[in-house]
Amino acid sequence: MNKIFFSIILIIATALAARGAEDVYNPIAVGLRWEHSVVLTMPDGRTFNGTMTREITGTKVIAGKTYFVSYTRFSGLPGMQPFTTYRRKAADGIYAINGFDPKKREYLETALPLSVGKTWQAVTDDTTTITVAAQEDLTVGDRKYEKCFKIVSSADGLSPSGTYYLAPNIGNIRDSSKQGGATFEFTLTKFTGTK
């Protein structure tokens, strides 16, 4: 009997560890903070250098589900207003709600588990097709990040299209995207974990 009980505990622990390993690319917890340098190139060729800071500030219940509140603000970039995104993690992915959406529509932001070749769609006012293109090492500044997922997104409307990289236990470390004729280059400069 003890042997059976131990086997069941071992199976459960292995499954939880595997599930945790699937999730390490999308850390979500109150207190996490990402700082990025940003280069914004306008359609007319003008270039602006600034910063973006994203921080998970708390939680909020929307339609009976608990979401993490992600607040993003910018400095040095004309026309870039702060915004809030609500995110929750489920077994099949990370679901999000844009704070500026008056309808509070939830969409699949990231399908889990991530694997090369996986494709999904984020549907709001338009449809963005997202594909995990590769897993590779990436150097950002003076730091090398191993086993990053390279993710490519393509929108059929006003949402941004581009390429971003997710690093284990950190999330987005580099992002290159286009929206409305402008180009954005985001590069992680600092990540602060929970205490």
N, C-alpha and C. Protein backbone atom coordinates (compact mmCIF):
# COMPACT_ATOMS: atom_id res chain seq x y z
N MET A 1 0.82 -1.20 0.00
CA MET A 1 0.00 0.00 0.00
C MET A 1 0.87 1.26 0.00
N ASN A 2 1.91 1.29 0.85
CA ASN A 2 2.81 2.45 0.89
C ASN A 2 3.51 2.65 -0.44
N LYS A 3 3.84 1.53 -1.12
CA LYS A 3 4.50 1.61 -2.41
C LYS A 3 3.58 2.25 -3.44
N ILE A 4 2.30 1.89 -3.43
CA ILE A 4 1.33 2.46 -4.37
C ILE A 4 1.16 3.96 -4.09
N PHE A 5 1.03 4.31 -2.80
CA PHE A 5 0.87 5.71 -2.42
C PHE A 5 2.08 6.53 -2.86
N PHE A 6 3.28 6.00 -2.64
CA PHE A 6 4.51 6.70 -3.04
C PHE A 6 4.55 6.87 -4.55
N SER A 7 4.14 5.86 -5.31
CA SER A 7 4.12 5.93 -6.77
C SER A 7 3.17 7.02 -7.25
N ILE A 8 1.99 7.10 -6.61
CA ILE A 8 1.02 8.12 -7.00
C ILE A 8 1.58 9.52 -6.71
N ILE A 9 2.20 9.70 -5.54
CA ILE A 9 2.79 11.00 -5.20
C ILE A 9 3.89 11.35 -6.20
N LEU A 10 4.71 10.38 -6.57
CA LEU A 10 5.79 10.60 -7.53
C LEU A 10 5.23 11.00 -8.89
N ILE A 11 4.17 10.35 -9.33
CA ILE A 11 3.55 10.68 -10.62
C ILE A 11 2.99 12.10 -10.58
N ILE A 12 2.31 12.46 -9.48
CA ILE A 12 1.75 13.81 -9.35
C ILE A 12 2.86 14.84 -9.34
N ALA A 13 3.92 14.60 -8.58
CA ALA A 13 5.03 15.55 -8.50
C ALA A 13 5.70 15.71 -9.86
N THR A 14 5.87 14.63 -10.60
CA THR A 14 6.47 14.68 -11.93
C THR A 14 5.60 15.48 -12.88
N ALA A 15 4.28 15.26 -12.82
CA ALA A 15 3.35 15.99 -13.68
C ALA A 15 3.38 17.48 -13.36
N LEU A 16 3.41 17.83 -12.06
CA LEU A 16 3.47 19.24 -11.67
C LEU A 16 4.77 19.88 -12.11
N ALA A 17 5.86 19.14 -11.98
CA ALA A 17 7.15 19.68 -12.42
C ALA A 17 7.17 19.90 -13.92
N ALA A 18 6.59 18.94 -14.67
CA ALA A 18 6.54 19.08 -16.13
C ALA A 18 5.67 20.28 -16.50
N ARG A 19 4.54 20.43 -15.82
CA ARG A 19 3.65 21.56 -16.11
C ARG A 19 4.35 22.87 -15.79
N GLY A 20 5.10 22.89 -14.69
CA GLY A 20 5.85 24.10 -14.34
C GLY A 20 6.90 24.41 -15.39
N ALA A 21 7.55 23.38 -15.92
CA ALA A 21 8.56 23.59 -16.95
C ALA A 21 7.96 24.18 -18.20
N GLU A 22 6.71 23.80 -18.50
CA GLU A 22 6.03 24.34 -19.68
C GLU A 22 5.76 25.83 -19.52
N ASP A 23 5.66 26.29 -18.30
CA ASP A 23 5.21 27.63 -17.99
C ASP A 23 6.33 28.64 -17.72
N VAL A 24 7.56 28.24 -17.71
CA VAL A 24 8.64 29.13 -17.26
C VAL A 24 8.87 30.32 -18.19
N TYR A 25 8.30 30.31 -19.37
CA TYR A 25 8.50 31.41 -20.32
C TYR A 25 7.53 32.56 -20.10
N ASN A 26 6.57 32.39 -19.23
CA ASN A 26 5.54 33.39 -19.01
C ASN A 26 5.33 33.64 -17.52
N PRO A 27 6.33 34.16 -16.82
CA PRO A 27 6.14 34.36 -15.38
C PRO A 27 5.06 35.40 -15.10
N ILE A 28 4.16 35.07 -14.19
CA ILE A 28 3.11 35.99 -13.78
C ILE A 28 3.02 35.93 -12.26
N ALA A 29 3.35 37.05 -11.61
CA ALA A 29 3.25 37.14 -10.16
C ALA A 29 3.29 38.62 -9.78
N VAL A 30 2.59 38.96 -8.73
CA VAL A 30 2.60 40.34 -8.25
C VAL A 30 4.03 40.72 -7.87
N GLY A 31 4.47 41.88 -8.33
CA GLY A 31 5.81 42.36 -8.01
C GLY A 31 6.81 42.22 -9.13
N LEU A 32 6.52 41.40 -10.15
CA LEU A 32 7.45 41.28 -11.27
C LEU A 32 7.48 42.60 -12.04
N ARG A 33 8.68 42.94 -12.53
CA ARG A 33 8.85 44.23 -13.23
C ARG A 33 9.87 44.07 -14.35
N TRP A 34 9.51 44.56 -15.53
CA TRP A 34 10.39 44.53 -16.71
C TRP A 34 10.66 45.96 -17.16
N GLU A 35 11.92 46.27 -17.43
CA GLU A 35 12.29 47.58 -17.98
C GLU A 35 12.95 47.35 -19.33
N HIS A 36 12.48 48.06 -20.34
CA HIS A 36 13.00 47.93 -21.70
C HIS A 36 13.45 49.29 -22.23
N SER A 37 14.52 49.29 -23.01
CA SER A 37 14.83 50.46 -23.82
C SER A 37 14.00 50.32 -25.10
N VAL A 38 13.56 51.45 -25.64
CA VAL A 38 12.69 51.43 -26.82
C VAL A 38 13.22 52.39 -27.87
N VAL A 39 13.26 51.93 -29.11
CA VAL A 39 13.54 52.80 -30.25
C VAL A 39 12.28 52.81 -31.10
N LEU A 40 11.71 54.01 -31.26
CA LEU A 40 10.50 54.19 -32.05
C LEU A 40 10.87 54.93 -33.32
N THR A 41 10.59 54.32 -34.47
CA THR A 41 10.82 54.97 -35.76
C THR A 41 9.47 55.26 -36.40
N MET A 42 9.21 56.55 -36.61
CA MET A 42 7.93 56.99 -37.17
C MET A 42 7.90 56.74 -38.68
N PRO A 43 6.70 56.73 -39.28
CA PRO A 43 6.60 56.52 -40.73
C PRO A 43 7.39 57.52 -41.56
N ASP A 44 7.58 58.75 -41.02
CA ASP A 44 8.34 59.77 -41.75
C ASP A 44 9.85 59.67 -41.53
N GLY A 45 10.29 58.64 -40.76
CA GLY A 45 11.72 58.43 -40.55
C GLY A 45 12.26 59.01 -39.25
N ARG A 46 11.50 59.85 -38.55
CA ARG A 46 11.97 60.38 -37.28
C ARG A 46 12.12 59.25 -36.27
N THR A 47 13.17 59.34 -35.44
CA THR A 47 13.46 58.29 -34.46
C THR A 47 13.46 58.89 -33.05
N PHE A 48 12.84 58.14 -32.11
CA PHE A 48 12.80 58.54 -30.71
C PHE A 48 13.33 57.40 -29.85
N ASN A 49 14.12 57.73 -28.85
CA ASN A 49 14.63 56.75 -27.89
C ASN A 49 13.93 56.99 -26.56
N GLY A 50 13.44 55.92 -25.97
CA GLY A 50 12.74 56.04 -24.70
C GLY A 50 12.80 54.76 -23.91
N THR A 51 11.91 54.65 -22.95
CA THR A 51 11.86 53.45 -22.11
C THR A 51 10.42 52.99 -21.94
N MET A 52 10.28 51.72 -21.62
CA MET A 52 8.99 51.14 -21.28
C MET A 52 9.18 50.35 -19.99
N THR A 53 8.27 50.51 -19.06
CA THR A 53 8.29 49.74 -17.81
C THR A 53 6.95 49.04 -17.67
N ARG A 54 7.01 47.74 -17.44
CA ARG A 54 5.79 46.95 -17.20
C ARG A 54 5.94 46.29 -15.84
N GLU A 55 4.86 46.39 -15.03
CA GLU A 55 4.90 45.84 -13.68
C GLU A 55 3.57 45.19 -13.35
N ILE A 56 3.62 44.04 -12.67
CA ILE A 56 2.40 43.39 -12.21
C ILE A 56 2.11 43.93 -10.82
N THR A 57 1.04 44.72 -10.74
CA THR A 57 0.78 45.50 -9.52
C THR A 57 -0.22 44.86 -8.56
N GLY A 58 -0.98 43.86 -9.00
CA GLY A 58 -1.96 43.24 -8.13
C GLY A 58 -2.84 42.29 -8.91
N THR A 59 -4.02 42.01 -8.36
CA THR A 59 -4.98 41.14 -9.03
C THR A 59 -6.35 41.81 -9.06
N LYS A 60 -7.20 41.35 -9.98
CA LYS A 60 -8.56 41.88 -10.10
C LYS A 60 -9.47 40.77 -10.60
N VAL A 61 -10.66 40.69 -10.05
CA VAL A 61 -11.65 39.71 -10.50
C VAL A 61 -12.52 40.35 -11.57
N ILE A 62 -12.57 39.71 -12.73
CA ILE A 62 -13.41 40.15 -13.85
C ILE A 62 -14.25 38.96 -14.28
N ALA A 63 -15.56 39.13 -14.30
CA ALA A 63 -16.50 38.08 -14.70
C ALA A 63 -16.23 36.77 -13.96
N GLY A 64 -15.90 36.88 -12.68
CA GLY A 64 -15.70 35.70 -11.85
C GLY A 64 -14.34 35.04 -11.96
N LYS A 65 -13.43 35.60 -12.76
CA LYS A 65 -12.08 35.03 -12.91
C LYS A 65 -11.06 36.02 -12.38
N THR A 66 -10.00 35.50 -11.75
CA THR A 66 -8.96 36.35 -11.18
C THR A 66 -7.84 36.57 -12.19
N TYR A 67 -7.54 37.84 -12.44
CA TYR A 67 -6.50 38.23 -13.39
C TYR A 67 -5.40 38.99 -12.65
N PHE A 68 -4.18 38.89 -13.18
CA PHE A 68 -3.08 39.71 -12.71
C PHE A 68 -3.13 41.03 -13.47
N VAL A 69 -2.92 42.12 -12.76
CA VAL A 69 -2.98 43.46 -13.35
C VAL A 69 -1.57 43.86 -13.79
N SER A 70 -1.41 44.05 -15.10
CA SER A 70 -0.11 44.42 -15.67
C SER A 70 -0.20 45.87 -16.16
N TYR A 71 0.57 46.75 -15.53
CA TYR A 71 0.53 48.18 -15.87
C TYR A 71 1.80 48.54 -16.65
N THR A 72 1.61 49.16 -17.83
CA THR A 72 2.73 49.52 -18.71
C THR A 72 2.75 51.02 -18.91
N ARG A 73 3.93 51.62 -18.76
CA ARG A 73 4.07 53.06 -18.99
C ARG A 73 5.34 53.33 -19.81
N PHE A 74 5.37 54.50 -20.44
CA PHE A 74 6.45 54.86 -21.34
C PHE A 74 7.05 56.20 -20.93
N SER A 75 8.29 56.42 -21.34
CA SER A 75 8.96 57.69 -21.13
C SER A 75 9.76 58.01 -22.39
N GLY A 76 9.67 59.28 -22.84
CA GLY A 76 10.46 59.72 -23.99
C GLY A 76 9.90 59.34 -25.34
N LEU A 77 8.67 58.83 -25.39
CA LEU A 77 8.08 58.39 -26.65
C LEU A 77 6.77 59.15 -26.89
N PRO A 78 6.72 60.00 -27.92
CA PRO A 78 5.53 60.82 -28.15
C PRO A 78 4.30 59.97 -28.48
N GLY A 79 3.20 60.34 -27.86
CA GLY A 79 1.93 59.67 -28.16
C GLY A 79 1.71 58.34 -27.47
N MET A 80 2.69 57.84 -26.75
CA MET A 80 2.57 56.54 -26.09
C MET A 80 1.99 56.73 -24.70
N GLN A 81 0.75 56.31 -24.53
CA GLN A 81 0.04 56.48 -23.26
C GLN A 81 0.15 55.21 -22.42
N PRO A 82 0.11 55.33 -21.09
CA PRO A 82 0.13 54.13 -20.25
C PRO A 82 -1.13 53.31 -20.47
N PHE A 83 -1.02 52.00 -20.23
CA PHE A 83 -2.19 51.13 -20.37
C PHE A 83 -2.09 49.95 -19.41
N THR A 84 -3.23 49.31 -19.21
CA THR A 84 -3.31 48.15 -18.32
C THR A 84 -3.78 46.94 -19.10
N THR A 85 -3.18 45.79 -18.83
CA THR A 85 -3.60 44.52 -19.39
C THR A 85 -3.88 43.58 -18.23
N TYR A 86 -4.94 42.81 -18.34
CA TYR A 86 -5.29 41.82 -17.31
C TYR A 86 -4.97 40.44 -17.86
N ARG A 87 -4.21 39.64 -17.10
CA ARG A 87 -3.79 38.32 -17.57
C ARG A 87 -4.10 37.25 -16.53
N ARG A 88 -4.52 36.09 -17.04
CA ARG A 88 -4.70 34.93 -16.16
C ARG A 88 -4.09 33.72 -16.84
N LYS A 89 -3.59 32.82 -16.03
CA LYS A 89 -2.95 31.60 -16.55
C LYS A 89 -3.89 30.44 -16.35
N ALA A 90 -4.14 29.69 -17.43
CA ALA A 90 -4.95 28.47 -17.39
C ALA A 90 -4.09 27.32 -17.91
N ALA A 91 -4.62 26.12 -17.83
CA ALA A 91 -3.86 24.94 -18.25
C ALA A 91 -3.47 25.02 -19.73
N ASP A 92 -4.33 25.60 -20.56
CA ASP A 92 -4.06 25.63 -22.00
C ASP A 92 -3.44 26.93 -22.49
N GLY A 93 -3.26 27.92 -21.60
CA GLY A 93 -2.63 29.14 -22.06
C GLY A 93 -2.82 30.33 -21.15
N ILE A 94 -2.30 31.45 -21.60
CA ILE A 94 -2.46 32.71 -20.88
C ILE A 94 -3.51 33.52 -21.63
N TYR A 95 -4.53 33.91 -20.90
CA TYR A 95 -5.62 34.69 -21.46
C TYR A 95 -5.48 36.13 -20.99
N ALA A 96 -5.85 37.07 -21.86
CA ALA A 96 -5.67 38.48 -21.54
C ALA A 96 -6.90 39.29 -21.92
N ILE A 97 -7.02 40.43 -21.26
CA ILE A 97 -8.03 41.44 -21.58
C ILE A 97 -7.31 42.78 -21.64
N ASN A 98 -7.48 43.51 -22.75
CA ASN A 98 -6.91 44.84 -22.85
C ASN A 98 -7.75 45.80 -22.01
N GLY A 99 -7.11 46.57 -21.16
CA GLY A 99 -7.82 47.48 -20.28
C GLY A 99 -8.61 48.54 -21.02
N PHE A 100 -8.19 48.89 -22.24
CA PHE A 100 -8.89 49.91 -23.02
C PHE A 100 -10.08 49.36 -23.78
N ASP A 101 -10.31 48.04 -23.73
CA ASP A 101 -11.43 47.43 -24.44
C ASP A 101 -12.70 47.57 -23.59
N PRO A 102 -13.66 48.40 -24.04
CA PRO A 102 -14.88 48.59 -23.23
C PRO A 102 -15.71 47.32 -23.10
N LYS A 103 -15.54 46.37 -24.02
CA LYS A 103 -16.30 45.12 -23.97
C LYS A 103 -15.63 44.08 -23.08
N LYS A 104 -14.40 44.35 -22.63
CA LYS A 104 -13.64 43.42 -21.76
C LYS A 104 -13.58 42.02 -22.36
N ARG A 105 -13.24 41.95 -23.66
CA ARG A 105 -13.16 40.66 -24.35
C ARG A 105 -11.85 39.96 -24.01
N GLU A 106 -11.95 38.71 -23.63
CA GLU A 106 -10.78 37.90 -23.33
C GLU A 106 -10.29 37.23 -24.61
N TYR A 107 -8.97 37.16 -24.76
CA TYR A 107 -8.38 36.48 -25.92
C TYR A 107 -7.20 35.63 -25.45
N LEU A 108 -6.86 34.63 -26.26
CA LEU A 108 -5.72 33.76 -25.96
C LEU A 108 -4.44 34.48 -26.38
N GLU A 109 -3.67 34.92 -25.39
CA GLU A 109 -2.44 35.65 -25.67
C GLU A 109 -1.29 34.69 -25.98
N THR A 110 -1.19 33.61 -25.19
CA THR A 110 -0.11 32.64 -25.38
C THR A 110 -0.67 31.24 -25.14
N ALA A 111 -0.55 30.37 -26.14
CA ALA A 111 -1.00 28.98 -25.99
C ALA A 111 0.10 28.19 -25.26
N LEU A 112 -0.31 27.35 -24.34
CA LEU A 112 0.63 26.52 -23.58
C LEU A 112 0.31 25.04 -23.79
N PRO A 113 1.32 24.18 -23.73
CA PRO A 113 2.74 24.49 -23.58
C PRO A 113 3.33 25.00 -24.90
N LEU A 114 4.34 25.85 -24.80
CA LEU A 114 5.02 26.35 -25.98
C LEU A 114 5.89 25.26 -26.58
N SER A 115 5.91 25.19 -27.90
CA SER A 115 6.78 24.26 -28.62
C SER A 115 6.96 24.79 -30.03
N VAL A 116 8.09 24.50 -30.63
CA VAL A 116 8.37 24.98 -31.98
C VAL A 116 7.31 24.45 -32.94
N GLY A 117 6.76 25.34 -33.75
CA GLY A 117 5.72 24.98 -34.71
C GLY A 117 4.30 25.25 -34.22
N LYS A 118 4.13 25.49 -32.92
CA LYS A 118 2.79 25.73 -32.38
C LYS A 118 2.25 27.06 -32.90
N THR A 119 0.97 27.06 -33.29
CA THR A 119 0.32 28.26 -33.83
C THR A 119 -1.03 28.43 -33.15
N TRP A 120 -1.39 29.69 -32.88
CA TRP A 120 -2.71 30.00 -32.32
C TRP A 120 -3.11 31.38 -32.80
N GLN A 121 -4.33 31.78 -32.48
CA GLN A 121 -4.82 33.09 -32.88
C GLN A 121 -5.32 33.87 -31.67
N ALA A 122 -5.01 35.16 -31.66
CA ALA A 122 -5.54 36.10 -30.67
C ALA A 122 -6.60 36.92 -31.41
N VAL A 123 -7.85 36.83 -30.98
CA VAL A 123 -8.95 37.47 -31.69
C VAL A 123 -9.57 38.56 -30.83
N THR A 124 -9.52 39.81 -31.32
CA THR A 124 -10.22 40.94 -30.70
C THR A 124 -10.97 41.64 -31.83
N ASP A 125 -10.65 42.91 -32.11
CA ASP A 125 -11.25 43.58 -33.27
C ASP A 125 -10.68 43.04 -34.57
N ASP A 126 -9.47 42.54 -34.51
CA ASP A 126 -8.85 41.87 -35.65
C ASP A 126 -8.29 40.54 -35.17
N THR A 127 -7.65 39.81 -36.06
CA THR A 127 -7.09 38.50 -35.73
C THR A 127 -5.59 38.53 -35.91
N THR A 128 -4.87 38.12 -34.88
CA THR A 128 -3.42 38.01 -34.94
C THR A 128 -3.06 36.53 -34.88
N THR A 129 -2.32 36.06 -35.89
CA THR A 129 -1.84 34.68 -35.93
C THR A 129 -0.43 34.66 -35.34
N ILE A 130 -0.22 33.78 -34.37
CA ILE A 130 1.03 33.73 -33.63
C ILE A 130 1.63 32.34 -33.78
N THR A 131 2.93 32.29 -34.10
CA THR A 131 3.61 31.01 -34.33
C THR A 131 4.93 30.98 -33.58
N VAL A 132 5.22 29.86 -32.92
CA VAL A 132 6.54 29.65 -32.31
C VAL A 132 7.46 29.17 -33.43
N ALA A 133 8.36 30.06 -33.88
CA ALA A 133 9.18 29.79 -35.06
C ALA A 133 10.42 28.97 -34.77
N ALA A 134 11.02 29.14 -33.58
CA ALA A 134 12.28 28.45 -33.29
C ALA A 134 12.55 28.51 -31.80
N GLN A 135 13.53 27.73 -31.37
CA GLN A 135 14.08 27.84 -30.02
C GLN A 135 15.58 27.99 -30.19
N GLU A 136 16.12 29.09 -29.66
CA GLU A 136 17.52 29.39 -29.89
C GLU A 136 18.08 30.23 -28.75
N ASP A 137 19.41 30.33 -28.72
CA ASP A 137 20.08 31.19 -27.74
C ASP A 137 20.14 32.60 -28.31
N LEU A 138 20.07 33.59 -27.42
CA LEU A 138 20.06 34.98 -27.87
C LEU A 138 20.88 35.81 -26.90
N THR A 139 21.73 36.68 -27.44
CA THR A 139 22.50 37.60 -26.62
C THR A 139 21.86 38.97 -26.67
N VAL A 140 21.55 39.52 -25.51
CA VAL A 140 20.97 40.86 -25.40
C VAL A 140 21.89 41.66 -24.49
N GLY A 141 22.50 42.70 -25.04
CA GLY A 141 23.49 43.46 -24.27
C GLY A 141 24.69 42.56 -23.99
N ASP A 142 25.05 42.44 -22.72
CA ASP A 142 26.19 41.58 -22.36
C ASP A 142 25.74 40.26 -21.75
N ARG A 143 24.46 39.91 -21.91
CA ARG A 143 23.95 38.68 -21.32
C ARG A 143 23.46 37.72 -22.39
N LYS A 144 23.79 36.46 -22.22
CA LYS A 144 23.32 35.42 -23.13
C LYS A 144 22.15 34.67 -22.47
N TYR A 145 21.06 34.55 -23.21
CA TYR A 145 19.87 33.83 -22.74
C TYR A 145 19.76 32.55 -23.55
N GLU A 146 19.67 31.43 -22.87
CA GLU A 146 19.62 30.14 -23.55
C GLU A 146 18.18 29.65 -23.71
N LYS A 147 17.94 28.89 -24.77
CA LYS A 147 16.66 28.23 -25.03
C LYS A 147 15.49 29.21 -25.08
N CYS A 148 15.68 30.31 -25.77
CA CYS A 148 14.60 31.28 -25.94
C CYS A 148 13.66 30.81 -27.05
N PHE A 149 12.38 31.08 -26.90
CA PHE A 149 11.43 30.83 -27.97
C PHE A 149 11.32 32.10 -28.82
N LYS A 150 11.50 31.93 -30.13
CA LYS A 150 11.31 33.01 -31.10
C LYS A 150 9.87 32.92 -31.59
N ILE A 151 9.10 33.98 -31.38
CA ILE A 151 7.68 33.95 -31.69
C ILE A 151 7.36 35.05 -32.70
N VAL A 152 6.64 34.67 -33.76
CA VAL A 152 6.31 35.59 -34.85
C VAL A 152 4.80 35.81 -34.84
N SER A 153 4.40 37.09 -34.91
CA SER A 153 2.97 37.42 -34.93
C SER A 153 2.65 38.21 -36.19
N SER A 154 1.47 37.95 -36.74
CA SER A 154 1.02 38.64 -37.95
C SER A 154 -0.44 39.00 -37.79
N ALA A 155 -0.75 40.31 -37.79
CA ALA A 155 -2.11 40.78 -37.60
C ALA A 155 -2.76 41.14 -38.92
N ASP A 156 -4.07 40.91 -39.00
CA ASP A 156 -4.80 41.26 -40.22
C ASP A 156 -5.48 42.62 -40.10
N GLY A 157 -5.18 43.36 -39.03
CA GLY A 157 -5.81 44.66 -38.82
C GLY A 157 -4.84 45.65 -38.21
N LEU A 158 -5.26 46.36 -37.18
CA LEU A 158 -4.46 47.43 -36.58
C LEU A 158 -3.51 46.96 -35.49
N SER A 159 -3.62 45.72 -35.05
CA SER A 159 -2.71 45.21 -34.02
C SER A 159 -1.29 45.11 -34.56
N PRO A 160 -0.29 45.15 -33.67
CA PRO A 160 1.10 45.05 -34.15
C PRO A 160 1.44 43.66 -34.68
N SER A 161 2.37 43.64 -35.64
CA SER A 161 2.94 42.41 -36.18
C SER A 161 4.44 42.47 -35.96
N GLY A 162 5.07 41.31 -35.72
CA GLY A 162 6.52 41.32 -35.53
C GLY A 162 7.05 40.04 -34.96
N THR A 163 8.21 40.16 -34.30
CA THR A 163 8.91 39.01 -33.73
C THR A 163 9.35 39.36 -32.31
N TYR A 164 9.14 38.41 -31.38
CA TYR A 164 9.64 38.62 -30.03
C TYR A 164 10.23 37.33 -29.50
N TYR A 165 11.04 37.47 -28.45
CA TYR A 165 11.74 36.33 -27.85
C TYR A 165 11.38 36.22 -26.38
N LEU A 166 11.03 35.00 -25.96
CA LEU A 166 10.74 34.72 -24.56
C LEU A 166 11.88 33.90 -23.97
N ALA A 167 12.44 34.38 -22.85
CA ALA A 167 13.52 33.66 -22.17
C ALA A 167 12.97 32.97 -20.93
N PRO A 168 13.52 31.82 -20.57
CA PRO A 168 13.04 31.11 -19.37
C PRO A 168 13.13 31.97 -18.12
N ASN A 169 12.06 31.93 -17.32
CA ASN A 169 11.96 32.61 -16.03
C ASN A 169 11.99 34.14 -16.11
N ILE A 170 11.93 34.69 -17.32
CA ILE A 170 11.94 36.14 -17.48
C ILE A 170 10.78 36.61 -18.36
N GLY A 171 10.58 35.94 -19.49
CA GLY A 171 9.57 36.39 -20.44
C GLY A 171 10.21 37.15 -21.58
N ASN A 172 9.54 38.22 -22.05
CA ASN A 172 9.96 38.95 -23.23
C ASN A 172 11.27 39.71 -23.00
N ILE A 173 12.30 39.38 -23.81
CA ILE A 173 13.58 40.05 -23.67
C ILE A 173 13.90 40.93 -24.87
N ARG A 174 13.28 40.65 -26.01
CA ARG A 174 13.49 41.48 -27.21
C ARG A 174 12.24 41.39 -28.07
N ASP A 175 11.86 42.54 -28.64
CA ASP A 175 10.64 42.60 -29.44
C ASP A 175 10.86 43.60 -30.56
N SER A 176 10.55 43.20 -31.77
CA SER A 176 10.60 44.09 -32.92
C SER A 176 9.24 44.01 -33.60
N SER A 177 8.52 45.15 -33.65
CA SER A 177 7.18 45.10 -34.21
C SER A 177 6.86 46.35 -35.01
N LYS A 178 5.84 46.20 -35.87
CA LYS A 178 5.35 47.31 -36.68
C LYS A 178 3.87 47.49 -36.41
N GLN A 179 3.46 48.77 -36.36
CA GLN A 179 2.06 49.08 -36.16
C GLN A 179 1.78 50.46 -36.73
N GLY A 180 0.79 50.55 -37.60
CA GLY A 180 0.41 51.83 -38.17
C GLY A 180 1.53 52.55 -38.88
N GLY A 181 2.44 51.82 -39.51
CA GLY A 181 3.55 52.43 -40.23
C GLY A 181 4.75 52.76 -39.36
N ALA A 182 4.63 52.63 -38.04
CA ALA A 182 5.75 52.87 -37.13
C ALA A 182 6.41 51.55 -36.77
N THR A 183 7.70 51.62 -36.44
CA THR A 183 8.46 50.44 -36.02
C THR A 183 8.93 50.63 -34.59
N PHE A 184 8.78 49.58 -33.79
CA PHE A 184 9.19 49.60 -32.39
C PHE A 184 10.26 48.52 -32.17
N GLU A 185 11.32 48.88 -31.45
CA GLU A 185 12.34 47.92 -31.05
C GLU A 185 12.45 47.98 -29.52
N PHE A 186 12.08 46.89 -28.84
CA PHE A 186 12.14 46.82 -27.38
C PHE A 186 13.28 45.89 -26.98
N THR A 187 14.12 46.31 -26.05
CA THR A 187 15.21 45.47 -25.56
C THR A 187 15.21 45.50 -24.03
N LEU A 188 15.17 44.34 -23.41
CA LEU A 188 15.16 44.26 -21.95
C LEU A 188 16.45 44.83 -21.38
N THR A 189 16.31 45.74 -20.40
CA THR A 189 17.47 46.28 -19.70
C THR A 189 17.53 45.82 -18.25
N LYS A 190 16.35 45.49 -17.68
CA LYS A 190 16.34 45.06 -16.27
C LYS A 190 15.06 44.26 -15.99
N PHE A 191 15.23 43.17 -15.27
CA PHE A 191 14.09 42.36 -14.81
C PHE A 191 14.20 42.21 -13.31
N THR A 192 13.10 42.48 -12.61
CA THR A 192 13.06 42.31 -11.16
C THR A 192 12.04 41.25 -10.81
N GLY A 193 12.48 40.19 -10.16
CA GLY A 193 11.60 39.12 -9.74
C GLY A 193 10.94 39.42 -8.42
N THR A 194 10.16 38.47 -7.94
CA THR A 194 9.49 38.65 -6.65
C THR A 194 10.48 38.39 -5.54
N LYS A 195 10.18 38.94 -4.38
CA LYS A 195 11.08 38.78 -3.23
C LYS A 195 10.72 37.57 -2.43
